[in-house]
């Protein structure tokens, strides 16, 4: 929709006929912004300016890949045995061509010649690798879909979950972003994660490793950090945080990047709404973490942790030796 330009009278006081550059002192502001941009607060690498990846293009890529994975649900309702493969092939061709371009632009924009995708041939290879993994990704997503159906008594059928549950949208986007993150196309992966965040309210870093049969119920406010490791058949609810307890620094006070600092959640764990789990701790297999629990210590397998048990250890969460079975 074209935005109408408000009448000049809405901006200027009565009788004010001065040009906008004088009215807003633009010469001074523009000059000061130039000094900030080029000298005092410069963040741009030296060398040729490059175009950033397009968020709009990546949104279209995500939509296309999702349509190819689930053509009758997200694509066209009238597809049949004769034309469905043509639809999938054409949709993939368009989406992968665009993704390749965005991967290449992302590496160029960062400006590191060692990054995968900096050369167009590398971007093509990265895109080819992601494409080859789409059948296995779909298999994992079907397990996620089944977990949602089993885990939510309100779910009536698979189509409802697939097109209507924000948790399902978030995990589709994450599984694609995670492949790109593993291949070091990290800027594009991060943009995909932020698209998912904007669409669903669920913030999953593309570096997080998530097993099969994952279900996020409701989902708003969920945060999963970069180095989190989640096993198979895990279910979490809204406002759960799998975060870092502290941020280690080097001798000069700079943050140490890349260290494992987020929780490990083993298989068959359920984490209820509002729980905050911080640091490189392990939540043992088969455990249940109650709502609004604050945890900074390991939890043994098959534990039940509630606010009452967590308060037994002041300020630090639950003592594994005291966690009820």
Protein backbone atom coordinates (compact mmCIF):
# COMPACT_ATOMS: atom_id res chain seq x y z
CA UNK A 1 0.00 0.00 0.00
CA UNK A 2 1.37 3.37 -0.99
CA UNK A 3 1.81 5.72 1.97
CA UNK A 4 0.39 9.16 1.43
CA UNK A 5 2.63 12.14 2.19
CA UNK A 6 1.02 14.36 4.84
CA UNK A 7 0.42 17.95 3.83
CA UNK A 8 3.30 20.34 4.46
CA UNK A 9 1.10 22.28 6.89
CA UNK A 10 1.11 19.35 9.31
CA UNK A 11 4.85 19.72 9.88
CA UNK A 12 5.41 23.44 9.73
CA UNK A 13 4.18 26.09 12.10
CA UNK A 14 1.88 28.73 10.68
CA UNK A 15 3.84 31.12 8.50
CA UNK A 16 6.98 28.95 8.52
CA UNK A 17 8.31 28.82 4.98
CA UNK A 18 11.91 27.77 5.75
CA UNK A 19 13.21 24.77 3.78
CA UNK A 20 13.33 21.48 5.69
CA UNK A 21 17.16 21.43 5.81
CA UNK A 22 17.11 24.68 7.79
CA UNK A 23 14.04 23.80 9.84
CA UNK A 24 15.56 20.53 11.12
CA UNK A 25 19.22 21.69 11.00
CA UNK A 26 19.93 18.77 8.70
CA UNK A 27 23.37 19.99 7.58
CA UNK A 28 24.68 19.77 11.13
CA UNK A 29 22.98 16.46 11.93
CA UNK A 30 24.13 14.80 8.71
CA UNK A 31 27.70 15.97 9.31
CA UNK A 32 27.68 14.62 12.87
CA UNK A 33 26.26 11.30 11.71
CA UNK A 34 29.06 11.09 9.13
CA UNK A 35 31.68 11.57 11.86
CA UNK A 36 30.01 8.89 14.00
CA UNK A 37 29.70 6.50 11.07
CA UNK A 38 33.18 6.94 9.63
CA UNK A 39 35.32 7.82 12.66
CA UNK A 40 34.13 7.73 16.26
CA UNK A 41 31.74 4.77 16.07
CA UNK A 42 32.68 2.97 12.86
CA UNK A 43 31.66 -0.71 12.67
CA UNK A 44 32.13 -1.31 8.92
CA UNK A 45 35.03 -3.30 7.60
CA UNK A 46 37.36 -1.60 5.19
CA UNK A 47 36.92 -2.39 1.55
CA UNK A 48 34.09 -2.52 -0.91
CA UNK A 49 30.57 -2.07 0.49
CA UNK A 50 28.39 -5.16 0.10
CA UNK A 51 24.67 -5.78 0.11
CA UNK A 52 23.25 -7.52 3.16
CA UNK A 53 21.08 -10.62 2.77
CA UNK A 54 17.45 -9.74 2.18
CA UNK A 55 15.07 -10.65 4.99
CA UNK A 56 12.16 -10.49 2.54
CA UNK A 57 13.92 -12.92 0.20
CA UNK A 58 14.64 -15.30 3.07
CA UNK A 59 11.00 -15.21 4.16
CA UNK A 60 10.06 -16.28 0.63
CA UNK A 61 12.73 -19.00 0.73
CA UNK A 62 11.32 -20.35 4.01
CA UNK A 63 7.81 -20.34 2.60
CA UNK A 64 8.99 -22.14 -0.53
CA UNK A 65 10.94 -24.81 1.35
CA UNK A 66 7.99 -25.38 3.68
CA UNK A 67 5.66 -25.74 0.68
CA UNK A 68 8.04 -28.27 -0.85
CA UNK A 69 8.17 -30.25 2.41
CA UNK A 70 4.37 -30.20 2.87
CA UNK A 71 2.94 -29.34 -0.56
CA UNK A 72 -0.71 -30.15 0.11
CA UNK A 73 -0.77 -28.28 3.41
CA UNK A 74 1.26 -25.17 2.62
CA UNK A 75 1.30 -25.30 -1.17
CA UNK A 76 -1.76 -25.97 -3.32
CA UNK A 77 -4.80 -27.90 -2.21
CA UNK A 78 -5.55 -29.23 -5.72
CA UNK A 79 -2.30 -31.14 -6.22
CA UNK A 80 -2.63 -34.76 -7.31
CA UNK A 81 -0.39 -37.65 -8.26
CA UNK A 82 0.29 -36.22 -11.71
CA UNK A 83 1.33 -32.68 -10.84
CA UNK A 84 2.54 -32.73 -7.25
CA UNK A 85 6.13 -33.60 -8.17
CA UNK A 86 6.23 -30.82 -10.75
CA UNK A 87 5.01 -28.37 -8.12
CA UNK A 88 7.61 -29.53 -5.60
CA UNK A 89 10.40 -29.43 -8.16
CA UNK A 90 9.56 -25.95 -9.40
CA UNK A 91 9.07 -24.61 -5.86
CA UNK A 92 12.41 -26.05 -4.75
CA UNK A 93 14.19 -24.65 -7.80
CA UNK A 94 13.00 -21.11 -7.08
CA UNK A 95 13.63 -21.33 -3.33
CA UNK A 96 17.11 -22.87 -3.64
CA UNK A 97 18.23 -20.38 -6.29
CA UNK A 98 17.27 -17.55 -3.98
CA UNK A 99 18.82 -19.21 -0.92
CA UNK A 100 22.11 -19.64 -2.77
CA UNK A 101 22.14 -15.92 -3.56
CA UNK A 102 21.41 -15.00 0.06
CA UNK A 103 24.15 -17.31 1.38
CA UNK A 104 26.62 -15.72 -0.99
CA UNK A 105 25.52 -12.20 -0.04
CA UNK A 106 25.73 -13.09 3.65
CA UNK A 107 29.35 -14.24 3.41
CA UNK A 108 30.33 -11.22 1.32
CA UNK A 109 28.59 -8.87 3.73
CA UNK A 110 30.51 -10.23 6.71
CA UNK A 111 33.64 -9.76 4.62
CA UNK A 112 35.62 -12.85 5.64
CA UNK A 113 37.08 -14.65 2.64
CA UNK A 114 37.41 -17.84 4.68
CA UNK A 115 33.67 -18.08 5.27
CA UNK A 116 31.82 -20.80 3.35
CA UNK A 117 29.77 -19.10 0.65
CA UNK A 118 32.21 -16.24 0.03
CA UNK A 119 32.91 -17.75 -3.37
CA UNK A 120 29.78 -18.38 -5.39
CA UNK A 121 30.88 -21.98 -5.96
CA UNK A 122 30.92 -22.49 -2.19
CA UNK A 123 27.44 -20.99 -1.87
CA UNK A 124 26.18 -23.41 -4.51
CA UNK A 125 27.71 -26.35 -2.65
CA UNK A 126 26.20 -25.24 0.67
CA UNK A 127 22.78 -24.93 -0.93
CA UNK A 128 23.15 -28.33 -2.59
CA UNK A 129 24.02 -29.83 0.80
CA UNK A 130 20.93 -28.39 2.45
CA UNK A 131 18.74 -29.59 -0.42
CA UNK A 132 20.09 -33.14 -0.09
CA UNK A 133 19.04 -33.20 3.58
CA UNK A 134 15.44 -32.12 3.01
CA UNK A 135 14.01 -35.68 2.87
CA UNK A 136 15.58 -36.56 6.24
CA UNK A 137 14.48 -33.21 7.69
CA UNK A 138 10.91 -34.01 6.67
CA UNK A 139 11.15 -37.34 8.48
CA UNK A 140 12.25 -35.63 11.69
CA UNK A 141 9.48 -33.05 11.32
CA UNK A 142 6.91 -35.84 11.04
CA UNK A 143 8.18 -37.15 14.39
CA UNK A 144 7.80 -33.62 15.80
CA UNK A 145 4.26 -33.53 14.43
CA UNK A 146 3.39 -36.86 16.05
CA UNK A 147 4.86 -35.69 19.36
CA UNK A 148 2.61 -32.62 19.26
CA UNK A 149 -0.44 -34.77 18.58
CA UNK A 150 0.36 -37.14 21.45
CA UNK A 151 1.42 -34.37 23.82
CA UNK A 152 -1.54 -32.01 23.40
CA UNK A 153 -5.04 -33.28 24.25
CA UNK A 154 -6.50 -30.28 22.40
CA UNK A 155 -4.93 -31.37 19.09
CA UNK A 156 -7.55 -33.03 16.89
CA UNK A 157 -5.55 -33.84 13.77
CA UNK A 158 -2.20 -33.39 12.05
CA UNK A 159 -3.28 -30.57 9.67
CA UNK A 160 -4.37 -28.43 12.62
CA UNK A 161 -0.93 -28.78 14.22
CA UNK A 162 1.01 -28.38 11.01
CA UNK A 163 -0.53 -25.11 9.85
CA UNK A 164 -1.89 -23.73 13.12
CA UNK A 165 0.63 -24.34 15.90
CA UNK A 166 3.40 -21.74 16.35
CA UNK A 167 5.66 -24.39 17.87
CA UNK A 168 5.48 -26.39 14.66
CA UNK A 169 6.33 -23.35 12.55
CA UNK A 170 9.27 -22.55 14.83
CA UNK A 171 10.74 -26.05 14.65
CA UNK A 172 10.39 -26.20 10.84
CA UNK A 173 12.34 -22.96 10.57
CA UNK A 174 14.87 -24.07 13.18
CA UNK A 175 15.69 -27.39 11.52
CA UNK A 176 16.49 -25.56 8.28
CA UNK A 177 18.45 -22.81 10.06
CA UNK A 178 20.43 -25.38 12.07
CA UNK A 179 21.72 -27.04 8.90
CA UNK A 180 22.99 -23.69 7.63
CA UNK A 181 24.52 -22.87 11.02
CA UNK A 182 26.41 -26.18 11.04
CA UNK A 183 27.75 -25.30 7.60
CA UNK A 184 28.93 -21.87 8.87
CA UNK A 185 26.39 -19.88 6.85
CA UNK A 186 25.69 -18.25 10.19
CA UNK A 187 24.36 -14.84 9.20
CA UNK A 188 21.66 -16.34 7.01
CA UNK A 189 20.90 -18.94 9.70
CA UNK A 190 20.51 -16.21 12.30
CA UNK A 191 18.19 -14.19 10.06
CA UNK A 192 16.02 -17.27 9.56
CA UNK A 193 15.87 -17.74 13.34
CA UNK A 194 14.78 -14.13 13.75
CA UNK A 195 12.09 -14.57 11.11
CA UNK A 196 10.78 -17.52 13.14
CA UNK A 197 10.98 -15.43 16.31
CA UNK A 198 8.95 -12.64 14.74
CA UNK A 199 6.36 -15.05 13.38
CA UNK A 200 5.90 -17.19 16.50
CA UNK A 201 7.32 -15.46 19.59
CA UNK A 202 9.70 -18.43 20.00
CA UNK A 203 13.43 -17.59 20.04
CA UNK A 204 15.64 -20.57 19.17
CA UNK A 205 19.27 -19.89 18.32
CA UNK A 206 20.17 -21.76 15.12
CA UNK A 207 23.13 -23.36 16.90
CA UNK A 208 20.93 -25.24 19.37
CA UNK A 209 20.90 -28.99 18.80
CA UNK A 210 17.38 -30.47 19.07
CA UNK A 211 16.49 -34.14 18.81
CA UNK A 212 13.51 -35.81 17.19
CA UNK A 213 9.98 -35.69 18.58
CA UNK A 214 10.29 -32.12 19.92
CA UNK A 215 7.11 -30.27 20.91
CA UNK A 216 6.70 -26.68 22.07
CA UNK A 217 3.17 -26.16 23.40
CA UNK A 218 1.78 -22.61 23.16
CA UNK A 219 5.32 -21.31 22.77
CA UNK A 220 5.22 -17.57 23.44
CA UNK A 221 8.36 -16.43 25.24
CA UNK A 222 10.38 -19.63 24.81
CA UNK A 223 14.13 -18.95 24.59
CA UNK A 224 16.69 -21.63 23.70
CA UNK A 225 20.35 -20.63 23.62
CA UNK A 226 23.09 -21.32 21.11
CA UNK A 227 24.83 -24.26 22.81
CA UNK A 228 21.73 -25.95 24.26
CA UNK A 229 21.48 -29.68 23.56
CA UNK A 230 18.00 -31.23 23.62
CA UNK A 231 17.41 -34.96 23.32
CA UNK A 232 14.55 -36.92 21.78
CA UNK A 233 10.89 -36.68 22.80
CA UNK A 234 11.23 -33.49 24.85
CA UNK A 235 8.19 -31.29 25.52
CA UNK A 236 8.36 -27.71 26.75
CA UNK A 237 5.76 -25.05 27.42
CA UNK A 238 5.53 -21.28 27.06
CA UNK A 239 8.05 -18.91 28.65
CA UNK A 240 10.68 -21.60 29.24
CA UNK A 241 14.28 -20.37 29.11
CA UNK A 242 17.28 -22.59 28.41
CA UNK A 243 19.88 -19.93 28.98
CA UNK A 244 23.39 -19.13 30.17
CA UNK A 245 24.11 -18.57 33.84
CA UNK A 246 27.13 -16.33 33.32
CA UNK A 247 29.37 -15.13 30.52
CA UNK A 248 33.06 -16.06 30.91
CA UNK A 249 35.67 -13.49 29.94
CA UNK A 250 39.35 -13.65 29.07
CA UNK A 251 42.19 -11.90 30.92
CA UNK A 252 41.35 -8.63 29.17
CA UNK A 253 37.67 -8.74 30.08
CA UNK A 254 36.44 -9.74 26.61
CA UNK A 255 33.61 -12.25 26.32
CA UNK A 256 34.75 -15.74 25.37
CA UNK A 257 32.68 -16.80 22.37
CA UNK A 258 31.54 -20.32 21.57
CA UNK A 259 31.96 -22.02 24.96
CA UNK A 260 29.24 -24.48 25.95
CA UNK A 261 27.13 -22.45 28.37
CA UNK A 262 23.54 -23.65 27.95
CA UNK A 263 21.75 -26.69 29.40
CA UNK A 264 21.72 -30.28 28.22
CA UNK A 265 18.20 -31.71 28.30
CA UNK A 266 18.17 -35.48 27.93
CA UNK A 267 15.47 -37.65 26.33
CA UNK A 268 11.84 -37.74 27.49
CA UNK A 269 11.96 -34.59 29.62
CA UNK A 270 8.95 -32.32 30.20
CA UNK A 271 9.52 -28.67 31.19
CA UNK A 272 6.47 -26.71 32.26
CA UNK A 273 5.64 -23.05 31.73
CA UNK A 274 7.94 -20.35 33.05
CA UNK A 275 10.82 -22.60 34.07
CA UNK A 276 14.28 -21.01 33.84
CA UNK A 277 17.20 -23.41 33.43
CA UNK A 278 20.62 -21.78 33.32
CA UNK A 279 24.18 -22.87 32.68
CA UNK A 280 25.85 -26.02 31.37
CA UNK A 281 23.84 -28.34 33.56
CA UNK A 282 22.14 -31.62 32.69
CA UNK A 283 18.47 -32.41 33.11
CA UNK A 284 18.42 -36.19 33.36
CA UNK A 285 16.37 -38.44 31.16
CA UNK A 286 12.69 -38.79 32.02
CA UNK A 287 12.61 -35.84 34.41
CA UNK A 288 9.76 -33.38 34.85
CA UNK A 289 10.49 -29.72 35.67
CA UNK A 290 7.56 -27.86 37.17
CA UNK A 291 6.31 -24.41 36.28
CA UNK A 292 8.33 -21.32 37.27
CA UNK A 293 11.21 -23.39 38.65
CA UNK A 294 14.66 -21.75 38.65
CA UNK A 295 17.44 -24.30 38.09
CA UNK A 296 21.22 -23.94 38.04
CA UNK A 297 22.24 -27.47 39.11
CA UNK A 298 22.15 -30.90 37.52
CA UNK A 299 19.01 -32.98 37.90
CA UNK A 300 19.27 -36.80 37.97
CA UNK A 301 17.25 -39.01 35.67
CA UNK A 302 13.57 -39.50 36.44
CA UNK A 303 13.39 -36.56 38.84
CA UNK A 304 10.37 -34.41 39.61
CA UNK A 305 11.41 -30.84 40.40
CA UNK A 306 8.86 -28.34 41.71
CA UNK A 307 9.21 -24.88 43.20
CA UNK A 308 9.06 -26.43 46.67
CA UNK A 309 11.93 -28.85 46.04
CA UNK A 310 13.97 -26.19 44.27
CA UNK A 311 13.68 -23.84 47.27
CA UNK A 312 15.36 -26.46 49.47
CA UNK A 313 18.68 -25.19 48.13
CA UNK A 314 18.68 -21.41 48.52
CA UNK A 315 19.54 -19.53 45.35
CA UNK A 316 20.97 -22.46 43.44
CA UNK A 317 18.09 -24.69 42.46
CA UNK A 318 17.68 -28.32 43.36
CA UNK A 319 20.22 -30.55 45.04
CA UNK A 320 20.39 -33.73 42.93
CA UNK A 321 20.66 -35.92 46.04
CA UNK A 322 17.39 -34.49 47.36
CA UNK A 323 15.37 -34.41 44.16
CA UNK A 324 12.28 -36.61 44.59
CA UNK A 325 11.79 -39.50 42.23
